Protein backbone atom coordinates (compact mmCIF):
# COMPACT_ATOMS: atom_id res chain seq x y z
CA UNK A 1 80.50 104.15 -34.40
CA UNK A 2 76.82 104.61 -33.65
CA UNK A 3 75.13 101.93 -31.61
CA UNK A 4 71.52 101.02 -32.19
CA UNK A 5 69.66 101.44 -28.88
CA UNK A 6 67.51 98.46 -27.99
CA UNK A 7 69.11 96.20 -30.59
CA UNK A 8 70.29 93.65 -28.04
CA UNK A 9 71.16 89.96 -28.25
CA UNK A 10 69.56 89.18 -24.91
CA UNK A 11 67.22 90.95 -22.51
CA UNK A 12 65.86 90.23 -19.04
CA UNK A 13 62.34 91.02 -17.87
CA UNK A 14 61.52 90.97 -14.16
CA UNK A 15 58.21 89.27 -13.31
CA UNK A 16 55.75 90.32 -10.60
CA UNK A 17 56.21 87.00 -8.76
CA UNK A 18 59.93 87.71 -8.24
CA UNK A 19 61.03 85.56 -11.14
CA UNK A 20 62.40 86.66 -14.49
CA UNK A 21 62.30 85.92 -18.18
CA UNK A 22 65.48 85.88 -20.23
CA UNK A 23 64.89 86.37 -23.94
CA UNK A 24 67.74 85.45 -26.27
CA UNK A 25 67.60 86.33 -29.97
CA UNK A 26 69.08 83.59 -32.14
CA UNK A 27 70.02 83.05 -35.76
CA UNK A 28 69.28 79.87 -37.74
CA UNK A 29 72.33 78.15 -36.18
CA UNK A 30 71.30 78.97 -32.61
CA UNK A 31 73.96 81.66 -32.20
CA UNK A 32 73.17 85.04 -30.64
CA UNK A 33 71.97 87.72 -33.05
CA UNK A 34 70.72 91.28 -32.54
CA UNK A 35 66.98 91.61 -31.83
CA UNK A 36 66.07 93.55 -34.98
CA UNK A 37 68.56 91.84 -37.31
CA UNK A 38 67.23 89.91 -40.29
CA UNK A 39 69.38 87.03 -39.01
CA UNK A 40 67.52 86.88 -35.67
CA UNK A 41 64.95 84.29 -36.69
CA UNK A 42 64.05 82.98 -33.24
CA UNK A 43 63.59 83.98 -29.61
CA UNK A 44 64.48 81.58 -26.82
CA UNK A 45 62.34 82.55 -23.83
CA UNK A 46 63.52 81.10 -20.53
CA UNK A 47 61.36 81.68 -17.45
CA UNK A 48 62.87 81.40 -13.98
CA UNK A 49 61.10 81.42 -10.62
CA UNK A 50 62.11 83.65 -7.71
CA UNK A 51 64.73 81.08 -6.66
CA UNK A 52 66.44 81.22 -10.06
CA UNK A 53 65.17 77.78 -11.10
CA UNK A 54 64.30 77.36 -14.79
CA UNK A 55 60.56 76.56 -14.95
CA UNK A 56 59.83 76.98 -18.66
CA UNK A 57 61.71 77.23 -21.92
CA UNK A 58 60.08 78.13 -25.22
CA UNK A 59 61.42 78.75 -28.73
CA UNK A 60 59.36 81.18 -30.82
CA UNK A 61 59.70 83.04 -34.08
CA UNK A 62 61.10 86.55 -33.52
CA UNK A 63 58.34 89.07 -34.38
CA UNK A 64 60.88 91.95 -34.26
CA UNK A 65 63.07 90.56 -37.05
CA UNK A 66 63.99 93.31 -39.52
CA UNK A 67 61.64 95.84 -37.88
CA UNK A 68 63.98 98.32 -36.18
CA UNK A 69 62.28 101.24 -37.94
CA UNK A 70 59.03 100.26 -36.19
CA UNK A 71 60.60 100.06 -32.73
CA UNK A 72 60.44 102.66 -29.98
CA UNK A 73 64.22 103.06 -30.39
CA UNK A 74 64.19 104.21 -34.03
CA UNK A 75 63.77 107.95 -33.36
CA UNK A 76 66.69 107.98 -30.89
CA UNK A 77 68.92 106.16 -33.40
CA UNK A 78 67.86 108.38 -36.32
CA UNK A 79 68.66 111.52 -34.30
CA UNK A 80 72.09 110.14 -33.32
CA UNK A 81 72.92 109.42 -36.97
CA UNK A 82 71.89 112.93 -38.05
CA UNK A 83 73.94 114.51 -35.25
CA UNK A 84 77.01 112.45 -36.16
CA UNK A 85 76.70 113.38 -39.83
CA UNK A 86 76.38 117.08 -38.95
CA UNK A 87 79.45 116.93 -36.69
CA UNK A 88 81.46 115.09 -39.33
CA UNK A 89 80.44 117.62 -41.96
CA UNK A 90 81.64 120.48 -39.73
CA UNK A 91 84.99 118.72 -39.37
CA UNK A 92 85.21 118.00 -43.10
CA UNK A 93 84.90 114.24 -42.66
CA UNK A 94 82.97 112.32 -45.31
CA UNK A 95 81.25 109.47 -43.45
CA UNK A 96 79.22 108.18 -46.38
């Protein structure tokens, strides 16, 4: 199985002040969904200070929804798919 690099359900960004932001990608029911999935309608952005205390929480529309081909990860994924197909063809495996 080929994984899609960067297509995460949650990511953490370190802030200059020692705090962090945790971004969770959520579907319409509030369940985790992959960042570039069409189901990932929203982003829950939680900001923590350097002591790990939640200081802000914001729910926004996910601007990455359905846009994997536009991401910086697309080329890496596309190359992995091509390589897998070539290897499978050499072994006589039909993956399509």
